[in-house]
Amino acid sequence: DRHALIEPPTGPAKGADLLALIRRLGFVQVDSVNTVERAH
């Protein structure tokens, strides 16, 4: 729940809403591997 993985993966994901999600997680790791989509 602290990592936003209990509630359904729905809702807005841009602007202030996206920033709030990143704040909740603390940080989002960036990685170059792109076999499907990059980590962040």
PDB file of all heavy atoms in Angstrom:
ATOM      1  N   ASP A   1       0.830  -1.196   0.000  1.00  0.00           N
ATOM      2  CA  ASP A   1       0.000   0.000   0.000  1.00  0.00           C
ATOM      3  C   ASP A   1       0.872   1.256   0.000  1.00  0.00           C
ATOM      4  O   ASP A   1       0.539   2.242  -0.667  1.00  0.00           O
ATOM      5  CB  ASP A   1      -0.925  -0.013   1.213  1.00  0.00           C
ATOM      6  CG  ASP A   1      -1.895   1.153   1.210  1.00  0.00           C
ATOM      7  OD1 ASP A   1      -2.583   1.346   0.188  1.00  0.00           O
ATOM      8  OD2 ASP A   1      -1.962   1.877   2.219  1.00  0.00           O
ATOM      9  N   ARG A   2       1.981   1.237   0.727  1.00  0.00           N
ATOM     10  CA  ARG A   2       2.896   2.388   0.720  1.00  0.00           C
ATOM     11  C   ARG A   2       3.460   2.621  -0.679  1.00  0.00           C
ATOM     12  O   ARG A   2       3.836   3.734  -1.020  1.00  0.00           O
ATOM     13  CB  ARG A   2       4.042   2.166   1.713  1.00  0.00           C
ATOM     14  CG  ARG A   2       3.602   1.967   3.153  1.00  0.00           C
ATOM     15  CD  ARG A   2       2.858   3.174   3.693  1.00  0.00           C
ATOM     16  NE  ARG A   2       2.288   2.955   5.010  1.00  0.00           N
ATOM     17  CZ  ARG A   2       2.829   3.359   6.154  1.00  0.00           C
ATOM     18  NH1 ARG A   2       3.983   4.013   6.131  1.00  0.00           N
ATOM     19  NH2 ARG A   2       2.237   3.120   7.307  1.00  0.00           N
ATOM     20  N   HIS A   3       3.500   1.563  -1.474  1.00  0.00           N
ATOM     21  CA  HIS A   3       4.051   1.664  -2.825  1.00  0.00           C
ATOM     22  C   HIS A   3       2.972   1.711  -3.901  1.00  0.00           C
ATOM     23  O   HIS A   3       3.261   1.476  -5.078  1.00  0.00           O
ATOM     24  CB  HIS A   3       5.015   0.500  -3.070  1.00  0.00           C
ATOM     25  CG  HIS A   3       6.331   0.666  -2.373  1.00  0.00           C
ATOM     26  ND1 HIS A   3       7.388   1.308  -2.955  1.00  0.00           N
ATOM     27  CD2 HIS A   3       6.727   0.319  -1.130  1.00  0.00           C
ATOM     28  CE1 HIS A   3       8.401   1.331  -2.105  1.00  0.00           C
ATOM     29  NE2 HIS A   3       8.026   0.745  -0.988  1.00  0.00           N
ATOM     30  N   ALA A   4       1.759   2.028  -3.500  1.00  0.00           N
ATOM     31  CA  ALA A   4       0.656   2.220  -4.450  1.00  0.00           C
ATOM     32  C   ALA A   4       0.407   0.984  -5.307  1.00  0.00           C
ATOM     33  O   ALA A   4       0.052   1.098  -6.482  1.00  0.00           O
ATOM     34  CB  ALA A   4       0.916   3.443  -5.335  1.00  0.00           C
ATOM     35  N   LEU A   5       0.555  -0.188  -4.698  1.00  0.00           N
ATOM     36  CA  LEU A   5       0.355  -1.430  -5.436  1.00  0.00           C
ATOM     37  C   LEU A   5      -0.805  -2.264  -4.894  1.00  0.00           C
ATOM     38  O   LEU A   5      -0.945  -3.433  -5.254  1.00  0.00           O
ATOM     39  CB  LEU A   5       1.645  -2.273  -5.422  1.00  0.00           C
ATOM     40  CG  LEU A   5       2.774  -1.760  -6.311  1.00  0.00           C
ATOM     41  CD1 LEU A   5       4.058  -2.534  -6.063  1.00  0.00           C
ATOM     42  CD2 LEU A   5       2.387  -1.820  -7.788  1.00  0.00           C
ATOM     43  N   ILE A   6      -1.624  -1.660  -4.047  1.00  0.00           N
ATOM     44  CA  ILE A   6      -2.814  -2.351  -3.561  1.00  0.00           C
ATOM     45  C   ILE A   6      -4.055  -1.864  -4.298  1.00  0.00           C
ATOM     46  O   ILE A   6      -4.878  -2.655  -4.757  1.00  0.00           O
ATOM     47  CB  ILE A   6      -2.978  -2.166  -2.036  1.00  0.00           C
ATOM     48  CG1 ILE A   6      -1.907  -2.976  -1.286  1.00  0.00           C
ATOM     49  CG2 ILE A   6      -4.364  -2.608  -1.579  1.00  0.00           C
ATOM     50  CD1 ILE A   6      -2.085  -4.484  -1.347  1.00  0.00           C
ATOM     51  N   GLU A   7      -4.185  -0.532  -4.437  1.00  0.00           N
ATOM     52  CA  GLU A   7      -5.368  -0.012  -5.121  1.00  0.00           C
ATOM     53  C   GLU A   7      -5.301  -0.304  -6.616  1.00  0.00           C
ATOM     54  O   GLU A   7      -4.214  -0.558  -7.153  1.00  0.00           O
ATOM     55  CB  GLU A   7      -5.503   1.500  -4.894  1.00  0.00           C
ATOM     56  CG  GLU A   7      -4.432   2.322  -5.604  1.00  0.00           C
ATOM     57  CD  GLU A   7      -3.367   2.851  -4.665  1.00  0.00           C
ATOM     58  OE1 GLU A   7      -3.031   2.143  -3.703  1.00  0.00           O
ATOM     59  OE2 GLU A   7      -2.875   3.968  -4.907  1.00  0.00           O
ATOM     60  N   PRO A   8      -6.425  -0.289  -7.308  1.00  0.00           N
ATOM     61  CA  PRO A   8      -6.417  -0.527  -8.757  1.00  0.00           C
ATOM     62  C   PRO A   8      -5.536   0.507  -9.475  1.00  0.00           C
ATOM     63  O   PRO A   8      -5.442   1.660  -9.039  1.00  0.00           O
ATOM     64  CB  PRO A   8      -7.891  -0.361  -9.153  1.00  0.00           C
ATOM     65  CG  PRO A   8      -8.656  -0.613  -7.895  1.00  0.00           C
ATOM     66  CD  PRO A   8      -7.803  -0.089  -6.783  1.00  0.00           C
ATOM     67  N   PRO A   9      -4.896   0.113 -10.569  1.00  0.00           N
ATOM     68  CA  PRO A   9      -3.983   1.026 -11.291  1.00  0.00           C
ATOM     69  C   PRO A   9      -4.731   1.971 -12.223  1.00  0.00           C
ATOM     70  O   PRO A   9      -4.476   2.046 -13.428  1.00  0.00           O
ATOM     71  CB  PRO A   9      -3.089   0.060 -12.065  1.00  0.00           C
ATOM     72  CG  PRO A   9      -3.974  -1.111 -12.346  1.00  0.00           C
ATOM     73  CD  PRO A   9      -4.863  -1.249 -11.136  1.00  0.00           C
ATOM     74  N   THR A  10      -5.654   2.714 -11.644  1.00  0.00           N
ATOM     75  CA  THR A  10      -6.489   3.617 -12.424  1.00  0.00           C
ATOM     76  C   THR A  10      -6.293   5.042 -11.920  1.00  0.00           C
ATOM     77  O   THR A  10      -5.634   5.278 -10.919  1.00  0.00           O
ATOM     78  CB  THR A  10      -7.966   3.220 -12.304  1.00  0.00           C
ATOM     79  OG1 THR A  10      -8.335   3.214 -10.913  1.00  0.00           O
ATOM     80  CG2 THR A  10      -8.212   1.840 -12.881  1.00  0.00           C
ATOM     81  N   GLY A  11      -6.906   5.987 -12.615  1.00  0.00           N
ATOM     82  CA  GLY A  11      -6.836   7.376 -12.196  1.00  0.00           C
ATOM     83  C   GLY A  11      -5.883   8.182 -13.045  1.00  0.00           C
ATOM     84  O   GLY A  11      -5.122   7.636 -13.865  1.00  0.00           O
ATOM     85  N   PRO A  12      -5.879   9.510 -12.862  1.00  0.00           N
ATOM     86  CA  PRO A  12      -5.042  10.393 -13.685  1.00  0.00           C
ATOM     87  C   PRO A  12      -3.564  10.208 -13.401  1.00  0.00           C
ATOM     88  O   PRO A  12      -3.167   9.858 -12.290  1.00  0.00           O
ATOM     89  CB  PRO A  12      -5.524  11.795 -13.293  1.00  0.00           C
ATOM     90  CG  PRO A  12      -6.110  11.632 -11.919  1.00  0.00           C
ATOM     91  CD  PRO A  12      -6.705  10.258 -11.896  1.00  0.00           C
ATOM     92  N   ALA A  13      -2.739  10.465 -14.412  1.00  0.00           N
ATOM     93  CA  ALA A  13      -1.297  10.239 -14.286  1.00  0.00           C
ATOM     94  C   ALA A  13      -0.510  11.284 -15.051  1.00  0.00           C
ATOM     95  O   ALA A  13       0.417  10.973 -15.799  1.00  0.00           O
ATOM     96  CB  ALA A  13      -0.947   8.836 -14.776  1.00  0.00           C
ATOM     97  N   LYS A  14      -0.866  12.539 -14.841  1.00  0.00           N
ATOM     98  CA  LYS A  14      -0.106  13.629 -15.428  1.00  0.00           C
ATOM     99  C   LYS A  14      -0.119  14.804 -14.464  1.00  0.00           C
ATOM    100  O   LYS A  14      -0.943  14.847 -13.543  1.00  0.00           O
ATOM    101  CB  LYS A  14      -0.655  14.027 -16.793  1.00  0.00           C
ATOM    102  CG  LYS A  14      -2.103  14.494 -16.778  1.00  0.00           C
ATOM    103  CD  LYS A  14      -2.560  14.984 -18.151  1.00  0.00           C
ATOM    104  CE  LYS A  14      -2.601  13.874 -19.170  1.00  0.00           C
ATOM    105  NZ  LYS A  14      -3.208  14.323 -20.466  1.00  0.00           N
ATOM    106  N   GLY A  15       0.775  15.743 -14.673  1.00  0.00           N
ATOM    107  CA  GLY A  15       0.794  16.947 -13.872  1.00  0.00           C
ATOM    108  C   GLY A  15       0.901  16.682 -12.385  1.00  0.00           C
ATOM    109  O   GLY A  15       1.705  15.867 -11.930  1.00  0.00           O
ATOM    110  N   ALA A  16       0.059  17.351 -11.598  1.00  0.00           N
ATOM    111  CA  ALA A  16       0.107  17.246 -10.138  1.00  0.00           C
ATOM    112  C   ALA A  16      -0.176  15.829  -9.660  1.00  0.00           C
ATOM    113  O   ALA A  16       0.368  15.391  -8.635  1.00  0.00           O
ATOM    114  CB  ALA A  16      -0.886  18.228  -9.518  1.00  0.00           C
ATOM    115  N   ASP A  17      -1.016  15.081 -10.381  1.00  0.00           N
ATOM    116  CA  ASP A  17      -1.329  13.713  -9.982  1.00  0.00           C
ATOM    117  C   ASP A  17      -0.116  12.808 -10.151  1.00  0.00           C
ATOM    118  O   ASP A  17       0.160  11.958  -9.297  1.00  0.00           O
ATOM    119  CB  ASP A  17      -2.505  13.180 -10.796  1.00  0.00           C
ATOM    120  CG  ASP A  17      -3.789  13.936 -10.507  1.00  0.00           C
ATOM    121  OD1 ASP A  17      -4.255  13.898  -9.357  1.00  0.00           O
ATOM    122  OD2 ASP A  17      -4.303  14.592 -11.433  1.00  0.00           O
ATOM    123  N   LEU A  18       0.606  12.974 -11.226  1.00  0.00           N
ATOM    124  CA  LEU A  18       1.812  12.181 -11.432  1.00  0.00           C
ATOM    125  C   LEU A  18       2.877  12.551 -10.406  1.00  0.00           C
ATOM    126  O   LEU A  18       3.553  11.674  -9.849  1.00  0.00           O
ATOM    127  CB  LEU A  18       2.343  12.382 -12.854  1.00  0.00           C
ATOM    128  CG  LEU A  18       3.604  11.612 -13.215  1.00  0.00           C
ATOM    129  CD1 LEU A  18       3.406  10.105 -13.045  1.00  0.00           C
ATOM    130  CD2 LEU A  18       4.037  11.930 -14.647  1.00  0.00           C
ATOM    131  N   LEU A  19       3.030  13.828 -10.140  1.00  0.00           N
ATOM    132  CA  LEU A  19       3.991  14.265  -9.134  1.00  0.00           C
ATOM    133  C   LEU A  19       3.646  13.681  -7.771  1.00  0.00           C
ATOM    134  O   LEU A  19       4.537  13.234  -7.027  1.00  0.00           O
ATOM    135  CB  LEU A  19       4.030  15.792  -9.066  1.00  0.00           C
ATOM    136  CG  LEU A  19       4.953  16.401  -8.006  1.00  0.00           C
ATOM    137  CD1 LEU A  19       6.401  15.975  -8.231  1.00  0.00           C
ATOM    138  CD2 LEU A  19       4.826  17.922  -8.013  1.00  0.00           C
ATOM    139  N   ALA A  20       2.365  13.648  -7.417  1.00  0.00           N
ATOM    140  CA  ALA A  20       1.947  13.084  -6.134  1.00  0.00           C
ATOM    141  C   ALA A  20       2.303  11.600  -6.048  1.00  0.00           C
ATOM    142  O   ALA A  20       2.707  11.105  -4.982  1.00  0.00           O
ATOM    143  CB  ALA A  20       0.448  13.285  -5.929  1.00  0.00           C
ATOM    144  N   LEU A  21       2.182  10.885  -7.151  1.00  0.00           N
ATOM    145  CA  LEU A  21       2.544   9.466  -7.160  1.00  0.00           C
ATOM    146  C   LEU A  21       4.044   9.297  -6.952  1.00  0.00           C
ATOM    147  O   LEU A  21       4.480   8.454  -6.155  1.00  0.00           O
ATOM    148  CB  LEU A  21       2.106   8.828  -8.479  1.00  0.00           C
ATOM    149  CG  LEU A  21       2.499   7.362  -8.681  1.00  0.00           C
ATOM    150  CD1 LEU A  21       1.904   6.480  -7.593  1.00  0.00           C
ATOM    151  CD2 LEU A  21       2.090   6.878 -10.074  1.00  0.00           C
ATOM    152  N   ILE A  22       4.846  10.086  -7.635  1.00  0.00           N
ATOM    153  CA  ILE A  22       6.301   9.997  -7.470  1.00  0.00           C
ATOM    154  C   ILE A  22       6.690  10.353  -6.040  1.00  0.00           C
ATOM    155  O   ILE A  22       7.557   9.705  -5.430  1.00  0.00           O
ATOM    156  CB  ILE A  22       7.012  10.908  -8.487  1.00  0.00           C
ATOM    157  CG1 ILE A  22       6.710  10.444  -9.914  1.00  0.00           C
ATOM    158  CG2 ILE A  22       8.523  10.925  -8.243  1.00  0.00           C
ATOM    159  CD1 ILE A  22       7.176  11.402 -10.995  1.00  0.00           C
ATOM    160  N   ARG A  23       6.042  11.374  -5.479  1.00  0.00           N
ATOM    161  CA  ARG A  23       6.308  11.749  -4.087  1.00  0.00           C
ATOM    162  C   ARG A  23       5.978  10.591  -3.151  1.00  0.00           C
ATOM    163  O   ARG A  23       6.719  10.309  -2.201  1.00  0.00           O
ATOM    164  CB  ARG A  23       5.494  12.980  -3.720  1.00  0.00           C
ATOM    165  CG  ARG A  23       5.756  13.497  -2.310  1.00  0.00           C
ATOM    166  CD  ARG A  23       4.792  14.611  -1.946  1.00  0.00           C
ATOM    167  NE  ARG A  23       4.911  15.753  -2.839  1.00  0.00           N
ATOM    168  CZ  ARG A  23       3.941  16.167  -3.664  1.00  0.00           C
ATOM    169  NH1 ARG A  23       2.780  15.509  -3.726  1.00  0.00           N
ATOM    170  NH2 ARG A  23       4.112  17.215  -4.427  1.00  0.00           N
ATOM    171  N   ARG A  24       4.875   9.921  -3.403  1.00  0.00           N
ATOM    172  CA  ARG A  24       4.469   8.789  -2.560  1.00  0.00           C
ATOM    173  C   ARG A  24       5.518   7.677  -2.606  1.00  0.00           C
ATOM    174  O   ARG A  24       5.857   7.086  -1.580  1.00  0.00           O
ATOM    175  CB  ARG A  24       3.114   8.274  -3.028  1.00  0.00           C
ATOM    176  CG  ARG A  24       2.563   7.091  -2.244  1.00  0.00           C
ATOM    177  CD  ARG A  24       1.167   6.778  -2.736  1.00  0.00           C
ATOM    178  NE  ARG A  24       0.616   5.559  -2.172  1.00  0.00           N
ATOM    179  CZ  ARG A  24      -0.577   5.061  -2.485  1.00  0.00           C
ATOM    180  NH1 ARG A  24      -1.337   5.708  -3.365  1.00  0.00           N
ATOM    181  NH2 ARG A  24      -1.006   3.939  -1.928  1.00  0.00           N
ATOM    182  N   LEU A  25       6.044   7.403  -3.783  1.00  0.00           N
ATOM    183  CA  LEU A  25       7.075   6.375  -3.924  1.00  0.00           C
ATOM    184  C   LEU A  25       8.415   6.852  -3.374  1.00  0.00           C
ATOM    185  O   LEU A  25       9.218   6.045  -2.906  1.00  0.00           O
ATOM    186  CB  LEU A  25       7.236   5.988  -5.394  1.00  0.00           C
ATOM    187  CG  LEU A  25       6.000   5.409  -6.089  1.00  0.00           C
ATOM    188  CD1 LEU A  25       6.304   5.117  -7.547  1.00  0.00           C
ATOM    189  CD2 LEU A  25       5.503   4.160  -5.388  1.00  0.00           C
ATOM    190  N   GLY A  26       8.672   8.138  -3.466  1.00  0.00           N
ATOM    191  CA  GLY A  26       9.944   8.703  -3.024  1.00  0.00           C
ATOM    192  C   GLY A  26      10.869   8.989  -4.174  1.00  0.00           C
ATOM    193  O   GLY A  26      11.412  10.082  -4.298  1.00  0.00           O
ATOM    194  N   PHE A  27      11.047   8.008  -5.026  1.00  0.00           N
ATOM    195  CA  PHE A  27      11.870   8.173  -6.222  1.00  0.00           C
ATOM    196  C   PHE A  27      11.517   7.066  -7.202  1.00  0.00           C
ATOM    197  O   PHE A  27      10.930   6.047  -6.833  1.00  0.00           O
ATOM    198  CB  PHE A  27      13.370   8.130  -5.894  1.00  0.00           C
ATOM    199  CG  PHE A  27      13.817   6.863  -5.194  1.00  0.00           C
ATOM    200  CD1 PHE A  27      14.183   5.734  -5.912  1.00  0.00           C
ATOM    201  CD2 PHE A  27      13.864   6.806  -3.804  1.00  0.00           C
ATOM    202  CE1 PHE A  27      14.586   4.570  -5.272  1.00  0.00           C
ATOM    203  CE2 PHE A  27      14.266   5.640  -3.152  1.00  0.00           C
ATOM    204  CZ  PHE A  27      14.629   4.530  -3.882  1.00  0.00           C
ATOM    205  N   VAL A  28      11.876   7.278  -8.449  1.00  0.00           N
ATOM    206  CA  VAL A  28      11.625   6.305  -9.508  1.00  0.00           C
ATOM    207  C   VAL A  28      12.950   6.066 -10.226  1.00  0.00           C
ATOM    208  O   VAL A  28      13.529   6.996 -10.791  1.00  0.00           O
ATOM    209  CB  VAL A  28      10.557   6.819 -10.499  1.00  0.00           C
ATOM    210  CG1 VAL A  28      10.407   5.862 -11.667  1.00  0.00           C
ATOM    211  CG2 VAL A  28       9.221   7.018  -9.785  1.00  0.00           C
ATOM    212  N   GLN A  29      13.432   4.843 -10.184  1.00  0.00           N
ATOM    213  CA  GLN A  29      14.742   4.558 -10.772  1.00  0.00           C
ATOM    214  C   GLN A  29      14.695   4.634 -12.292  1.00  0.00           C
ATOM    215  O   GLN A  29      13.747   4.183 -12.933  1.00  0.00           O
ATOM    216  CB  GLN A  29      15.246   3.186 -10.338  1.00  0.00           C
ATOM    217  CG  GLN A  29      16.652   2.881 -10.845  1.00  0.00           C
ATOM    218  CD  GLN A  29      17.258   1.643 -10.236  1.00  0.00           C
ATOM    219  OE1 GLN A  29      16.932   1.273  -9.103  1.00  0.00           O
ATOM    220  NE2 GLN A  29      18.150   0.977 -10.956  1.00  0.00           N
ATOM    221  N   VAL A  30      15.758   5.202 -12.865  1.00  0.00           N
ATOM    222  CA  VAL A  30      15.930   5.314 -14.307  1.00  0.00           C
ATOM    223  C   VAL A  30      16.906   4.235 -14.750  1.00  0.00           C
ATOM    224  O   VAL A  30      17.969   4.064 -14.145  1.00  0.00           O
ATOM    225  CB  VAL A  30      16.480   6.707 -14.683  1.00  0.00           C
ATOM    226  CG1 VAL A  30      16.727   6.805 -16.187  1.00  0.00           C
ATOM    227  CG2 VAL A  30      15.529   7.800 -14.218  1.00  0.00           C
ATOM    228  N   ASP A  31      16.550   3.507 -15.783  1.00  0.00           N
ATOM    229  CA  ASP A  31      17.465   2.476 -16.284  1.00  0.00           C
ATOM    230  C   ASP A  31      17.356   2.382 -17.792  1.00  0.00           C
ATOM    231  O   ASP A  31      16.301   2.651 -18.381  1.00  0.00           O
ATOM    232  CB  ASP A  31      17.160   1.115 -15.657  1.00  0.00           C
ATOM    233  CG  ASP A  31      18.281   0.110 -15.912  1.00  0.00           C
ATOM    234  OD1 ASP A  31      19.318   0.206 -15.233  1.00  0.00           O
ATOM    235  OD2 ASP A  31      18.123  -0.741 -16.800  1.00  0.00           O
ATOM    236  N   SER A  32      18.460   1.984 -18.418  1.00  0.00           N
ATOM    237  CA  SER A  32      18.545   2.004 -19.879  1.00  0.00           C
ATOM    238  C   SER A  32      17.953   0.769 -20.547  1.00  0.00           C
ATOM    239  O   SER A  32      17.657   0.804 -21.746  1.00  0.00           O
ATOM    240  CB  SER A  32      20.011   2.149 -20.306  1.00  0.00           C
ATOM    241  OG  SER A  32      20.775   1.035 -19.847  1.00  0.00           O
ATOM    242  N   VAL A  33      17.800  -0.340 -19.816  1.00  0.00           N
ATOM    243  CA  VAL A  33      17.328  -1.580 -20.441  1.00  0.00           C
ATOM    244  C   VAL A  33      15.927  -1.350 -20.998  1.00  0.00           C
ATOM    245  O   VAL A  33      15.037  -0.867 -20.300  1.00  0.00           O
ATOM    246  CB  VAL A  33      17.335  -2.747 -19.442  1.00  0.00           C
ATOM    247  CG1 VAL A  33      16.795  -4.013 -20.105  1.00  0.00           C
ATOM    248  CG2 VAL A  33      18.743  -2.988 -18.917  1.00  0.00           C
ATOM    249  N   ASN A  34      15.728  -1.735 -22.251  1.00  0.00           N
ATOM    250  CA  ASN A  34      14.492  -1.385 -22.949  1.00  0.00           C
ATOM    251  C   ASN A  34      13.934  -2.582 -23.714  1.00  0.00           C
ATOM    252  O   ASN A  34      13.464  -2.457 -24.836  1.00  0.00           O
ATOM    253  CB  ASN A  34      14.763  -0.209 -23.899  1.00  0.00           C
ATOM    254  CG  ASN A  34      13.497   0.490 -24.354  1.00  0.00           C
ATOM    255  OD1 ASN A  34      12.473   0.406 -23.692  1.00  0.00           O
ATOM    256  ND2 ASN A  34      13.575   1.189 -25.474  1.00  0.00           N
ATOM    257  N   THR A  35      13.971  -3.755 -23.091  1.00  0.00           N
ATOM    258  CA  THR A  35      13.451  -4.936 -23.768  1.00  0.00           C
ATOM    259  C   THR A  35      11.940  -4.845 -23.980  1.00  0.00           C
ATOM    260  O   THR A  35      11.410  -5.363 -24.959  1.00  0.00           O
ATOM    261  CB  THR A  35      13.771  -6.215 -22.976  1.00  0.00           C
ATOM    262  OG1 THR A  35      13.254  -6.079 -21.650  1.00  0.00           O
ATOM    263  CG2 THR A  35      15.275  -6.458 -22.911  1.00  0.00           C
ATOM    264  N   VAL A  36      11.249  -4.191 -23.051  1.00  0.00           N
ATOM    265  CA  VAL A  36       9.814  -3.923 -23.204  1.00  0.00           C
ATOM    266  C   VAL A  36       9.576  -2.425 -23.084  1.00  0.00           C
ATOM    267  O   VAL A  36       9.151  -1.766 -24.014  1.00  0.00           O
ATOM    268  CB  VAL A  36       8.980  -4.702 -22.167  1.00  0.00           C
ATOM    269  CG1 VAL A  36       7.501  -4.323 -22.260  1.00  0.00           C
ATOM    270  CG2 VAL A  36       9.139  -6.209 -22.383  1.00  0.00           C
ATOM    271  N   GLU A  37       9.848  -1.854 -21.906  1.00  0.00           N
ATOM    272  CA  GLU A  37       9.784  -0.421 -21.669  1.00  0.00           C
ATOM    273  C   GLU A  37      10.771  -0.105 -20.560  1.00  0.00           C
ATOM    274  O   GLU A  37      11.058  -0.959 -19.713  1.00  0.00           O
ATOM    275  CB  GLU A  37       8.359  -0.002 -21.278  1.00  0.00           C
ATOM    276  CG  GLU A  37       8.145   1.491 -21.133  1.00  0.00           C
ATOM    277  CD  GLU A  37       8.585   2.305 -22.336  1.00  0.00           C
ATOM    278  OE1 GLU A  37       9.783   2.668 -22.383  1.00  0.00           O
ATOM    279  OE2 GLU A  37       7.759   2.564 -23.217  1.00  0.00           O
ATOM    280  N   ARG A  38      11.345   1.089 -20.586  1.00  0.00           N
ATOM    281  CA  ARG A  38      12.355   1.436 -19.585  1.00  0.00           C
ATOM    282  C   ARG A  38      11.737   1.480 -18.192  1.00  0.00           C
ATOM    283  O   ARG A  38      10.555   1.755 -18.011  1.00  0.00           O
ATOM    284  CB  ARG A  38      13.034   2.750 -19.939  1.00  0.00           C
ATOM    285  CG  ARG A  38      13.927   2.604 -21.160  1.00  0.00           C
ATOM    286  CD  ARG A  38      14.914   3.746 -21.292  1.00  0.00           C
ATOM    287  NE  ARG A  38      15.939   3.421 -22.286  1.00  0.00           N
ATOM    288  CZ  ARG A  38      15.954   3.852 -23.534  1.00  0.00           C
ATOM    289  NH1 ARG A  38      14.977   4.644 -23.965  1.00  0.00           N
ATOM    290  NH2 ARG A  38      16.919   3.497 -24.359  1.00  0.00           N
ATOM    291  N   ALA A  39      12.602   1.225 -17.196  1.00  0.00           N
ATOM    292  CA  ALA A  39      12.144   1.004 -15.822  1.00  0.00           C
ATOM    293  C   ALA A  39      11.269   2.128 -15.299  1.00  0.00           C
ATOM    294  O   ALA A  39      10.210   1.884 -14.709  1.00  0.00           O
ATOM    295  CB  ALA A  39      13.354   0.806 -14.907  1.00  0.00           C
ATOM    296  N   HIS A  40      11.689   3.390 -15.488  1.00  0.00           N
ATOM    297  CA  HIS A  40      10.942   4.503 -14.901  1.00  0.00           C
ATOM    298  C   HIS A  40       9.527   4.586 -15.464  1.00  0.00           C
ATOM    299  O   HIS A  40       8.584   4.895 -14.725  1.00  0.00           O
ATOM    300  CB  HIS A  40      11.688   5.830 -15.076  1.00  0.00           C
ATOM    301  CG  HIS A  40      12.319   6.040 -16.412  1.00  0.00           C
ATOM    302  ND1 HIS A  40      13.293   5.211 -16.918  1.00  0.00           N
ATOM    303  CD2 HIS A  40      12.137   7.001 -17.360  1.00  0.00           C
ATOM    304  CE1 HIS A  40      13.675   5.646 -18.110  1.00  0.00           C
ATOM    305  NE2 HIS A  40      12.980   6.717 -18.401  1.00  0.00           N
TER     306      HIS A  40
END
